[in-house]
Amino acid sequence: MPQQSTVPALKHLTVSQLADRLGVTKDYLRRSILGQPDGIPGLKIGRGHRAQWRIRLCDVERWEEGRIACYDASPNRPRRMR
């Protein structure tokens, strides 16, 4: 019989964890991404200035999927001769 893991799957991220994942500062994340109309929805735990944010991993993944861009370098484009 296989053993079950006692470590629960990570379902929520802290602001620090998300900032590391996105490669931005925590201040930028709070100011420009969390809770913004086109940003990532977050859950505030508590009230006031020191309230802690928790961000659902599924919301982060959905937000990342919406920002994937593919840039075509057009290797077949003719080069200009000088």
PDB file of N, CA and C in Angstrom:
ATOM      1  N   MET A   1       0.851  -1.174   0.000  1.00  0.00           N
ATOM      2  CA  MET A   1       0.000   0.000   0.000  1.00  0.00           C
ATOM      3  C   MET A   1       0.899   1.240   0.000  1.00  0.00           C
ATOM      4  N   PRO A   2       0.701   2.200  -0.959  1.00  0.00           N
ATOM      5  CA  PRO A   2       1.534   3.403  -0.999  1.00  0.00           C
ATOM      6  C   PRO A   2       1.232   4.328   0.171  1.00  0.00           C
ATOM      7  N   GLN A   3       2.286   4.966   0.663  1.00  0.00           N
ATOM      8  CA  GLN A   3       2.098   5.897   1.765  1.00  0.00           C
ATOM      9  C   GLN A   3       1.586   7.222   1.238  1.00  0.00           C
ATOM     10  N   GLN A   4       0.727   7.843   2.021  1.00  0.00           N
ATOM     11  CA  GLN A   4       0.216   9.154   1.648  1.00  0.00           C
ATOM     12  C   GLN A   4       1.102  10.219   2.270  1.00  0.00           C
ATOM     13  N   SER A   5       1.302  11.299   1.549  1.00  0.00           N
ATOM     14  CA  SER A   5       2.117  12.394   2.048  1.00  0.00           C
ATOM     15  C   SER A   5       1.374  13.120   3.156  1.00  0.00           C
ATOM     16  N   THR A   6       2.090  13.467   4.223  1.00  0.00           N
ATOM     17  CA  THR A   6       1.476  14.206   5.312  1.00  0.00           C
ATOM     18  C   THR A   6       1.589  15.716   5.093  1.00  0.00           C
ATOM     19  N   VAL A   7       2.358  16.137   4.062  1.00  0.00           N
ATOM     20  CA  VAL A   7       2.504  17.560   3.754  1.00  0.00           C
ATOM     21  C   VAL A   7       1.378  17.972   2.817  1.00  0.00           C
ATOM     22  N   PRO A   8       0.544  18.944   3.219  1.00  0.00           N
ATOM     23  CA  PRO A   8      -0.546  19.362   2.337  1.00  0.00           C
ATOM     24  C   PRO A   8      -0.003  20.101   1.120  1.00  0.00           C
ATOM     25  N   ALA A   9      -0.747  20.035   0.034  1.00  0.00           N
ATOM     26  CA  ALA A   9      -0.358  20.752  -1.180  1.00  0.00           C
ATOM     27  C   ALA A   9      -0.464  22.254  -0.925  1.00  0.00           C
ATOM     28  N   LEU A  10       0.473  22.995  -1.462  1.00  0.00           N
ATOM     29  CA  LEU A  10       0.496  24.439  -1.296  1.00  0.00           C
ATOM     30  C   LEU A  10      -0.642  25.051  -2.100  1.00  0.00           C
ATOM     31  N   LYS A  11      -1.574  25.702  -1.411  1.00  0.00           N
ATOM     32  CA  LYS A  11      -2.741  26.268  -2.079  1.00  0.00           C
ATOM     33  C   LYS A  11      -2.763  27.784  -2.005  1.00  0.00           C
ATOM     34  N   HIS A  12      -2.044  28.366  -1.068  1.00  0.00           N
ATOM     35  CA  HIS A  12      -1.997  29.813  -0.904  1.00  0.00           C
ATOM     36  C   HIS A  12      -0.543  30.257  -0.795  1.00  0.00           C
ATOM     37  N   LEU A  13      -0.270  31.443  -1.323  1.00  0.00           N
ATOM     38  CA  LEU A  13       1.068  32.020  -1.243  1.00  0.00           C
ATOM     39  C   LEU A  13       1.030  33.281  -0.396  1.00  0.00           C
ATOM     40  N   THR A  14       2.138  33.569   0.264  1.00  0.00           N
ATOM     41  CA  THR A  14       2.275  34.838   0.956  1.00  0.00           C
ATOM     42  C   THR A  14       2.777  35.868  -0.054  1.00  0.00           C
ATOM     43  N   VAL A  15       2.785  37.117   0.337  1.00  0.00           N
ATOM     44  CA  VAL A  15       3.281  38.174  -0.536  1.00  0.00           C
ATOM     45  C   VAL A  15       4.753  37.928  -0.867  1.00  0.00           C
ATOM     46  N   SER A  16       5.544  37.505   0.112  1.00  0.00           N
ATOM     47  CA  SER A  16       6.968  37.232  -0.120  1.00  0.00           C
ATOM     48  C   SER A  16       7.165  36.101  -1.124  1.00  0.00           C
ATOM     49  N   GLN A  17       6.400  35.036  -0.981  1.00  0.00           N
ATOM     50  CA  GLN A  17       6.516  33.904  -1.898  1.00  0.00           C
ATOM     51  C   GLN A  17       6.134  34.303  -3.317  1.00  0.00           C
ATOM     52  N   LEU A  18       5.068  35.084  -3.451  1.00  0.00           N
ATOM     53  CA  LEU A  18       4.632  35.510  -4.770  1.00  0.00           C
ATOM     54  C   LEU A  18       5.625  36.491  -5.392  1.00  0.00           C
ATOM     55  N   ALA A  19       6.177  37.386  -4.589  1.00  0.00           N
ATOM     56  CA  ALA A  19       7.176  38.330  -5.104  1.00  0.00           C
ATOM     57  C   ALA A  19       8.397  37.575  -5.626  1.00  0.00           C
ATOM     58  N   ASP A  20       8.833  36.540  -4.908  1.00  0.00           N
ATOM     59  CA  ASP A  20       9.945  35.707  -5.377  1.00  0.00           C
ATOM     60  C   ASP A  20       9.589  35.002  -6.678  1.00  0.00           C
ATOM     61  N   ARG A  21       8.396  34.490  -6.755  1.00  0.00           N
ATOM     62  CA  ARG A  21       7.958  33.764  -7.954  1.00  0.00           C
ATOM     63  C   ARG A  21       7.925  34.677  -9.177  1.00  0.00           C
ATOM     64  N   LEU A  22       7.444  35.924  -8.996  1.00  0.00           N
ATOM     65  CA  LEU A  22       7.322  36.852 -10.117  1.00  0.00           C
ATOM     66  C   LEU A  22       8.580  37.681 -10.353  1.00  0.00           C
ATOM     67  N   GLY A  23       9.492  37.673  -9.400  1.00  0.00           N
ATOM     68  CA  GLY A  23      10.724  38.445  -9.540  1.00  0.00           C
ATOM     69  C   GLY A  23      10.520  39.946  -9.390  1.00  0.00           C
ATOM     70  N   VAL A  24       9.614  40.332  -8.496  1.00  0.00           N
ATOM     71  CA  VAL A  24       9.337  41.746  -8.225  1.00  0.00           C
ATOM     72  C   VAL A  24       9.460  41.988  -6.724  1.00  0.00           C
ATOM     73  N   THR A  25       9.425  43.257  -6.326  1.00  0.00           N
ATOM     74  CA  THR A  25       9.479  43.569  -4.900  1.00  0.00           C
ATOM     75  C   THR A  25       8.092  43.410  -4.283  1.00  0.00           C
ATOM     76  N   LYS A  26       8.077  43.256  -2.974  1.00  0.00           N
ATOM     77  CA  LYS A  26       6.799  43.138  -2.270  1.00  0.00           C
ATOM     78  C   LYS A  26       5.998  44.427  -2.377  1.00  0.00           C
ATOM     79  N   ASP A  27       6.678  45.578  -2.330  1.00  0.00           N
ATOM     80  CA  ASP A  27       5.976  46.862  -2.453  1.00  0.00           C
ATOM     81  C   ASP A  27       5.313  47.000  -3.813  1.00  0.00           C
ATOM     82  N   TYR A  28       6.039  46.647  -4.869  1.00  0.00           N
ATOM     83  CA  TYR A  28       5.460  46.722  -6.213  1.00  0.00           C
ATOM     84  C   TYR A  28       4.266  45.787  -6.329  1.00  0.00           C
ATOM     85  N   LEU A  29       4.392  44.599  -5.773  1.00  0.00           N
ATOM     86  CA  LEU A  29       3.319  43.617  -5.832  1.00  0.00           C
ATOM     87  C   LEU A  29       2.060  44.144  -5.144  1.00  0.00           C
ATOM     88  N   ARG A  30       2.214  44.691  -3.960  1.00  0.00           N
ATOM     89  CA  ARG A  30       1.058  45.230  -3.227  1.00  0.00           C
ATOM     90  C   ARG A  30       0.439  46.427  -3.945  1.00  0.00           C
ATOM     91  N   ARG A  31       1.270  47.294  -4.503  1.00  0.00           N
ATOM     92  CA  ARG A  31       0.801  48.534  -5.108  1.00  0.00           C
ATOM     93  C   ARG A  31       0.197  48.333  -6.494  1.00  0.00           C
ATOM     94  N   SER A  32       0.806  47.467  -7.308  1.00  0.00           N
ATOM     95  CA  SER A  32       0.447  47.409  -8.723  1.00  0.00           C
ATOM     96  C   SER A  32      -0.252  46.139  -9.185  1.00  0.00           C
ATOM     97  N   ILE A  33      -0.232  45.081  -8.398  1.00  0.00           N
ATOM     98  CA  ILE A  33      -0.798  43.822  -8.879  1.00  0.00           C
ATOM     99  C   ILE A  33      -1.930  43.302  -7.994  1.00  0.00           C
ATOM    100  N   LEU A  34      -1.713  43.214  -6.703  1.00  0.00           N
ATOM    101  CA  LEU A  34      -2.719  42.630  -5.817  1.00  0.00           C
ATOM    102  C   LEU A  34      -3.961  43.498  -5.718  1.00  0.00           C
ATOM    103  N   GLY A  35      -5.106  42.905  -5.984  1.00  0.00           N
ATOM    104  CA  GLY A  35      -6.373  43.577  -5.825  1.00  0.00           C
ATOM    105  C   GLY A  35      -6.706  44.604  -6.897  1.00  0.00           C
ATOM    106  N   GLN A  36      -5.872  44.727  -7.924  1.00  0.00           N
ATOM    107  CA  GLN A  36      -6.137  45.660  -9.010  1.00  0.00           C
ATOM    108  C   GLN A  36      -7.119  45.029  -9.997  1.00  0.00           C
ATOM    109  N   PRO A  37      -7.836  45.849 -10.779  1.00  0.00           N
ATOM    110  CA  PRO A  37      -8.824  45.296 -11.721  1.00  0.00           C
ATOM    111  C   PRO A  37      -8.247  44.258 -12.689  1.00  0.00           C
ATOM    112  N   ASP A  38      -7.026  44.473 -13.170  1.00  0.00           N
ATOM    113  CA  ASP A  38      -6.411  43.502 -14.079  1.00  0.00           C
ATOM    114  C   ASP A  38      -5.305  42.717 -13.389  1.00  0.00           C
ATOM    115  N   GLY A  39      -5.299  42.758 -12.070  1.00  0.00           N
ATOM    116  CA  GLY A  39      -4.259  42.084 -11.298  1.00  0.00           C
ATOM    117  C   GLY A  39      -4.721  40.754 -10.726  1.00  0.00           C
ATOM    118  N   ILE A  40      -4.034  40.337  -9.690  1.00  0.00           N
ATOM    119  CA  ILE A  40      -4.325  39.062  -9.034  1.00  0.00           C
ATOM    120  C   ILE A  40      -5.208  39.330  -7.820  1.00  0.00           C
ATOM    121  N   PRO A  41      -6.335  38.638  -7.716  1.00  0.00           N
ATOM    122  CA  PRO A  41      -7.151  38.813  -6.511  1.00  0.00           C
ATOM    123  C   PRO A  41      -6.439  38.212  -5.302  1.00  0.00           C
ATOM    124  N   GLY A  42      -6.574  38.874  -4.179  1.00  0.00           N
ATOM    125  CA  GLY A  42      -5.937  38.384  -2.963  1.00  0.00           C
ATOM    126  C   GLY A  42      -6.905  38.408  -1.800  1.00  0.00           C
ATOM    127  N   LEU A  43      -6.583  37.653  -0.787  1.00  0.00           N
ATOM    128  CA  LEU A  43      -7.395  37.604   0.432  1.00  0.00           C
ATOM    129  C   LEU A  43      -6.641  38.326   1.532  1.00  0.00           C
ATOM    130  N   LYS A  44      -7.262  39.290   2.166  1.00  0.00           N
ATOM    131  CA  LYS A  44      -6.640  39.981   3.278  1.00  0.00           C
ATOM    132  C   LYS A  44      -7.099  39.326   4.567  1.00  0.00           C
ATOM    133  N   ILE A  45      -6.153  38.926   5.380  1.00  0.00           N
ATOM    134  CA  ILE A  45      -6.457  38.299   6.655  1.00  0.00           C
ATOM    135  C   ILE A  45      -6.238  39.348   7.734  1.00  0.00           C
ATOM    136  N   GLY A  46      -7.298  39.737   8.379  1.00  0.00           N
ATOM    137  CA  GLY A  46      -7.217  40.776   9.392  1.00  0.00           C
ATOM    138  C   GLY A  46      -7.634  42.121   8.845  1.00  0.00           C
ATOM    139  N   ARG A  47      -7.421  43.156   9.650  1.00  0.00           N
ATOM    140  CA  ARG A  47      -7.805  44.512   9.264  1.00  0.00           C
ATOM    141  C   ARG A  47      -6.623  45.449   9.454  1.00  0.00           C
ATOM    142  N   GLY A  48      -6.749  46.593   8.846  1.00  0.00           N
ATOM    143  CA  GLY A  48      -5.772  47.642   9.085  1.00  0.00           C
ATOM    144  C   GLY A  48      -4.531  47.543   8.221  1.00  0.00           C
ATOM    145  N   HIS A  49      -3.566  48.378   8.596  1.00  0.00           N
ATOM    146  CA  HIS A  49      -2.331  48.525   7.829  1.00  0.00           C
ATOM    147  C   HIS A  49      -1.497  47.236   7.811  1.00  0.00           C
ATOM    148  N   ARG A  50      -1.528  46.488   8.865  1.00  0.00           N
ATOM    149  CA  ARG A  50      -0.681  45.295   8.965  1.00  0.00           C
ATOM    150  C   ARG A  50      -1.399  43.992   8.608  1.00  0.00           C
ATOM    151  N   ALA A  51      -2.516  44.102   7.943  1.00  0.00           N
ATOM    152  CA  ALA A  51      -3.253  42.902   7.533  1.00  0.00           C
ATOM    153  C   ALA A  51      -2.393  42.080   6.578  1.00  0.00           C
ATOM    154  N   GLN A  52      -2.441  40.786   6.712  1.00  0.00           N
ATOM    155  CA  GLN A  52      -1.651  39.870   5.889  1.00  0.00           C
ATOM    156  C   GLN A  52      -2.430  39.459   4.650  1.00  0.00           C
ATOM    157  N   TRP A  53      -1.739  39.380   3.512  1.00  0.00           N
ATOM    158  CA  TRP A  53      -2.340  38.927   2.266  1.00  0.00           C
ATOM    159  C   TRP A  53      -2.047  37.446   2.076  1.00  0.00           C
ATOM    160  N   ARG A  54      -3.010  36.742   1.506  1.00  0.00           N
ATOM    161  CA  ARG A  54      -2.819  35.371   1.028  1.00  0.00           C
ATOM    162  C   ARG A  54      -3.393  35.318  -0.375  1.00  0.00           C
ATOM    163  N   ILE A  55      -2.651  34.691  -1.268  1.00  0.00           N
ATOM    164  CA  ILE A  55      -3.031  34.653  -2.669  1.00  0.00           C
ATOM    165  C   ILE A  55      -3.185  33.203  -3.085  1.00  0.00           C
ATOM    166  N   ARG A  56      -4.341  32.876  -3.656  1.00  0.00           N
ATOM    167  CA  ARG A  56      -4.577  31.495  -4.075  1.00  0.00           C
ATOM    168  C   ARG A  56      -3.692  31.170  -5.274  1.00  0.00           C
ATOM    169  N   LEU A  57      -3.075  29.997  -5.232  1.00  0.00           N
ATOM    170  CA  LEU A  57      -2.181  29.559  -6.294  1.00  0.00           C
ATOM    171  C   LEU A  57      -2.913  29.453  -7.631  1.00  0.00           C
ATOM    172  N   CYS A  58      -4.157  29.010  -7.624  1.00  0.00           N
ATOM    173  CA  CYS A  58      -4.921  28.901  -8.874  1.00  0.00           C
ATOM    174  C   CYS A  58      -5.149  30.277  -9.501  1.00  0.00           C
ATOM    175  N   ASP A  59      -5.316  31.339  -8.679  1.00  0.00           N
ATOM    176  CA  ASP A  59      -5.471  32.694  -9.212  1.00  0.00           C
ATOM    177  C   ASP A  59      -4.169  33.186  -9.845  1.00  0.00           C
ATOM    178  N   VAL A  60      -3.050  32.850  -9.221  1.00  0.00           N
ATOM    179  CA  VAL A  60      -1.736  33.231  -9.761  1.00  0.00           C
ATOM    180  C   VAL A  60      -1.517  32.554 -11.109  1.00  0.00           C
ATOM    181  N   GLU A  61      -1.802  31.264 -11.178  1.00  0.00           N
ATOM    182  CA  GLU A  61      -1.605  30.528 -12.430  1.00  0.00           C
ATOM    183  C   GLU A  61      -2.506  31.058 -13.536  1.00  0.00           C
ATOM    184  N   ARG A  62      -3.741  31.402 -13.212  1.00  0.00           N
ATOM    185  CA  ARG A  62      -4.667  31.961 -14.191  1.00  0.00           C
ATOM    186  C   ARG A  62      -4.158  33.317 -14.684  1.00  0.00           C
ATOM    187  N   TRP A  63      -3.650  34.153 -13.763  1.00  0.00           N
ATOM    188  CA  TRP A  63      -3.114  35.460 -14.118  1.00  0.00           C
ATOM    189  C   TRP A  63      -1.873  35.314 -15.007  1.00  0.00           C
ATOM    190  N   GLU A  64      -1.021  34.361 -14.674  1.00  0.00           N
ATOM    191  CA  GLU A  64       0.179  34.127 -15.485  1.00  0.00           C
ATOM    192  C   GLU A  64      -0.191  33.650 -16.889  1.00  0.00           C
ATOM    193  N   GLU A  65      -1.165  32.758 -16.983  1.00  0.00           N
ATOM    194  CA  GLU A  65      -1.597  32.261 -18.294  1.00  0.00           C
ATOM    195  C   GLU A  65      -2.109  33.396 -19.183  1.00  0.00           C
ATOM    196  N   GLY A  66      -2.766  34.370 -18.584  1.00  0.00           N
ATOM    197  CA  GLY A  66      -3.294  35.493 -19.338  1.00  0.00           C
ATOM    198  C   GLY A  66      -2.227  36.460 -19.816  1.00  0.00           C
ATOM    199  N   ARG A  67      -1.010  36.320 -19.318  1.00  0.00           N
ATOM    200  CA  ARG A  67       0.068  37.214 -19.690  1.00  0.00           C
ATOM    201  C   ARG A  67       1.153  36.552 -20.521  1.00  0.00           C
ATOM    202  N   ILE A  68       0.932  35.332 -20.934  1.00  0.00           N
ATOM    203  CA  ILE A  68       1.922  34.654 -21.762  1.00  0.00           C
ATOM    204  C   ILE A  68       1.917  35.301 -23.141  1.00  0.00           C
ATOM    205  N   ALA A  69       3.088  35.627 -23.600  1.00  0.00           N
ATOM    206  CA  ALA A  69       3.217  36.235 -24.926  1.00  0.00           C
ATOM    207  C   ALA A  69       4.285  35.484 -25.698  1.00  0.00           C
ATOM    208  N   CYS A  70       4.064  35.343 -26.964  1.00  0.00           N
ATOM    209  CA  CYS A  70       5.024  34.685 -27.836  1.00  0.00           C
ATOM    210  C   CYS A  70       5.510  35.727 -28.839  1.00  0.00           C
ATOM    211  N   TYR A  71       6.792  35.962 -28.848  1.00  0.00           N
ATOM    212  CA  TYR A  71       7.367  36.930 -29.763  1.00  0.00           C
ATOM    213  C   TYR A  71       8.054  36.189 -30.895  1.00  0.00           C
ATOM    214  N   ASP A  72       7.614  36.479 -32.102  1.00  0.00           N
ATOM    215  CA  ASP A  72       8.180  35.838 -33.280  1.00  0.00           C
ATOM    216  C   ASP A  72       9.366  36.667 -33.743  1.00  0.00           C
ATOM    217  N   ALA A  73      10.530  36.045 -33.805  1.00  0.00           N
ATOM    218  CA  ALA A  73      11.732  36.751 -34.233  1.00  0.00           C
ATOM    219  C   ALA A  73      11.810  36.850 -35.748  1.00  0.00           C
ATOM    220  N   SER A  74      10.882  36.206 -36.426  1.00  0.00           N
ATOM    221  CA  SER A  74      10.822  36.203 -37.889  1.00  0.00           C
ATOM    222  C   SER A  74      12.172  35.888 -38.532  1.00  0.00           C
ATOM    223  N   PRO A  75      12.655  34.686 -38.357  1.00  0.00           N
ATOM    224  CA  PRO A  75      13.964  34.354 -38.934  1.00  0.00           C
ATOM    225  C   PRO A  75      13.941  34.335 -40.463  1.00  0.00           C
ATOM    226  N   ASN A  76      12.781  34.232 -41.084  1.00  0.00           N
ATOM    227  CA  ASN A  76      12.692  34.163 -42.539  1.00  0.00           C
ATOM    228  C   ASN A  76      12.523  35.530 -43.188  1.00  0.00           C
ATOM    229  N   ARG A  77      12.491  36.569 -42.386  1.00  0.00           N
ATOM    230  CA  ARG A  77      12.329  37.916 -42.935  1.00  0.00           C
ATOM    231  C   ARG A  77      13.585  38.306 -43.713  1.00  0.00           C
ATOM    232  N   PRO A  78      13.433  38.824 -44.923  1.00  0.00           N
ATOM    233  CA  PRO A  78      14.615  39.187 -45.693  1.00  0.00           C
ATOM    234  C   PRO A  78      15.380  40.330 -45.030  1.00  0.00           C
ATOM    235  N   ARG A  79      16.672  40.236 -45.042  1.00  0.00           N
ATOM    236  CA  ARG A  79      17.527  41.261 -44.439  1.00  0.00           C
ATOM    237  C   ARG A  79      17.793  42.355 -45.450  1.00  0.00           C
ATOM    238  N   ARG A  80      17.873  43.556 -44.930  1.00  0.00           N
ATOM    239  CA  ARG A  80      18.169  44.704 -45.796  1.00  0.00           C
ATOM    240  C   ARG A  80      19.657  44.733 -46.112  1.00  0.00           C
ATOM    241  N   MET A  81      19.987  44.953 -47.335  1.00  0.00           N
ATOM    242  CA  MET A  81      21.382  45.086 -47.718  1.00  0.00           C
ATOM    243  C   MET A  81      21.764  46.554 -47.701  1.00  0.00           C
ATOM    244  N   ARG A  82      22.929  46.834 -47.228  1.00  0.00           N
ATOM    245  CA  ARG A  82      23.390  48.238 -47.195  1.00  0.00           C
ATOM    246  C   ARG A  82      24.386  48.505 -48.267  1.00  0.00           C
TER     247      ARG A  82
END
